[in-house]
Amino acid sequence: MAKYTFPAVFEPDEEAGGYCVYFPDIEGCYTQGEDIADAIEMAEDALCLMLYDMEKKGINIPKASKPSDIEAKPGEIVNLVVCDTKYYKNYFEGRAVKVIQ
């Protein structure tokens, strides 16, 4: 479990509004948000979920690209997204579940 920082590309969604988000370095890691703040929050969650799953499966985490190396199309935003898989694990697996009988 570790802390990671990866660049994400935020694409304006012309039809639905908001932003679609993908991580060029993490295959299959996509999300979306209603506005930029929501998209960033969703991106943090998606990144943590993917990286935590990769850690559990023993899959090597790829090296993060430099944001300046990512070619963004007009209107796209490249932003760094941070996640902490140790916190993620503790938050989602460490929660107590109350059983009602």
Protein backbone atom coordinates (compact mmCIF):
# COMPACT_ATOMS: atom_id res chain seq x y z
CA MET A 1 0.00 0.00 0.00
CA ALA A 2 1.36 3.38 -0.97
CA LYS A 3 0.67 6.93 -2.08
CA TYR A 4 0.57 7.59 -5.82
CA THR A 5 0.30 10.59 -8.12
CA PHE A 6 -0.81 10.11 -11.73
CA PRO A 7 -1.79 12.54 -14.47
CA ALA A 8 -5.40 12.44 -15.60
CA VAL A 9 -6.99 13.95 -18.69
CA PHE A 10 -10.29 15.77 -18.15
CA GLU A 11 -12.35 16.05 -21.33
CA PRO A 12 -15.40 18.32 -21.47
CA ASP A 13 -18.49 16.22 -22.25
CA GLU A 14 -20.30 18.32 -24.84
CA GLU A 15 -23.48 16.21 -24.87
CA ALA A 16 -24.07 15.43 -21.18
CA GLY A 17 -22.11 18.30 -19.63
CA GLY A 18 -19.43 17.82 -17.01
CA TYR A 19 -16.17 16.00 -17.67
CA CYS A 20 -15.02 12.55 -18.70
CA VAL A 21 -11.72 11.52 -17.12
CA TYR A 22 -9.11 8.96 -18.09
CA PHE A 23 -5.62 8.04 -16.91
CA PRO A 24 -3.20 7.51 -19.82
CA ASP A 25 -0.94 5.31 -17.66
CA ILE A 26 -3.66 3.10 -16.13
CA GLU A 27 -5.46 0.95 -18.68
CA GLY A 28 -9.21 0.85 -18.16
CA CYS A 29 -9.29 3.62 -15.55
CA TYR A 30 -12.12 5.96 -16.55
CA THR A 31 -14.71 8.03 -14.73
CA GLN A 32 -16.77 11.19 -15.09
CA GLY A 33 -18.15 14.06 -13.05
CA GLU A 34 -20.90 16.65 -13.27
CA ASP A 35 -18.39 19.51 -12.99
CA ILE A 36 -14.61 19.83 -12.56
CA ALA A 37 -14.74 19.47 -8.76
CA ASP A 38 -16.91 16.36 -8.98
CA ALA A 39 -14.70 14.94 -11.76
CA ILE A 40 -11.57 15.39 -9.61
CA GLU A 41 -13.23 13.64 -6.67
CA MET A 42 -14.41 10.80 -8.91
CA ALA A 43 -10.93 10.55 -10.46
CA GLU A 44 -9.32 10.15 -7.03
CA ASP A 45 -11.74 7.35 -6.20
CA ALA A 46 -11.32 5.59 -9.56
CA LEU A 47 -7.52 5.78 -9.34
CA CYS A 48 -7.47 4.39 -5.79
CA LEU A 49 -9.81 1.57 -6.72
CA MET A 50 -7.73 0.55 -9.74
CA LEU A 51 -4.34 0.79 -8.00
CA TYR A 52 -5.56 -0.96 -4.86
CA ASP A 53 -6.94 -3.78 -7.00
CA MET A 54 -3.63 -4.02 -8.88
CA GLU A 55 -1.73 -4.19 -5.57
CA LYS A 56 -4.00 -6.97 -4.25
CA LYS A 57 -3.50 -8.97 -7.45
CA GLY A 58 0.28 -8.42 -7.45
CA ILE A 59 0.20 -6.48 -10.72
CA ASN A 60 3.06 -4.01 -11.15
CA ILE A 61 1.96 -0.39 -10.92
CA PRO A 62 3.23 1.48 -14.00
CA LYS A 63 5.42 4.53 -13.69
CA ALA A 64 3.47 7.77 -13.94
CA SER A 65 4.03 9.97 -16.97
CA LYS A 66 5.03 13.58 -16.61
CA PRO A 67 2.00 15.81 -17.23
CA SER A 68 4.06 17.79 -19.74
CA ASP A 69 4.52 14.61 -21.82
CA ILE A 70 0.77 14.15 -22.29
CA GLU A 71 -0.64 15.70 -25.44
CA ALA A 72 -3.97 17.26 -24.57
CA LYS A 73 -6.49 18.16 -27.25
CA PRO A 74 -8.02 21.65 -27.27
CA GLY A 75 -10.34 22.03 -24.28
CA GLU A 76 -8.82 19.13 -22.35
CA ILE A 77 -7.17 19.63 -18.96
CA VAL A 78 -4.26 17.53 -17.71
CA ASN A 79 -4.20 17.46 -13.91
CA LEU A 80 -2.39 15.40 -11.30
CA VAL A 81 -4.53 13.14 -9.16
CA VAL A 82 -3.29 11.76 -5.83
CA CYS A 83 -4.41 8.63 -4.04
CA ASP A 84 -3.39 6.68 -0.97
CA THR A 85 -4.17 2.98 -1.30
CA LYS A 86 -3.43 2.34 2.40
CA TYR A 87 -6.08 4.88 3.40
CA TYR A 88 -8.42 3.43 0.77
CA LYS A 89 -7.95 -0.10 2.14
CA ASN A 90 -8.51 1.01 5.74
CA TYR A 91 -11.56 3.05 4.81
CA PHE A 92 -13.33 0.40 2.76
CA GLU A 93 -12.16 -2.83 4.38
CA GLY A 94 -11.76 -1.61 7.94
CA ARG A 95 -15.30 -0.36 8.43
CA ALA A 96 -17.39 -2.20 10.94
CA VAL A 97 -20.67 -3.55 9.67
CA LYS A 98 -23.62 -3.54 12.05
CA VAL A 99 -25.88 -6.54 11.67
CA ILE A 100 -29.52 -5.95 12.55
CA GLN A 101 -31.35 -9.05 13.75
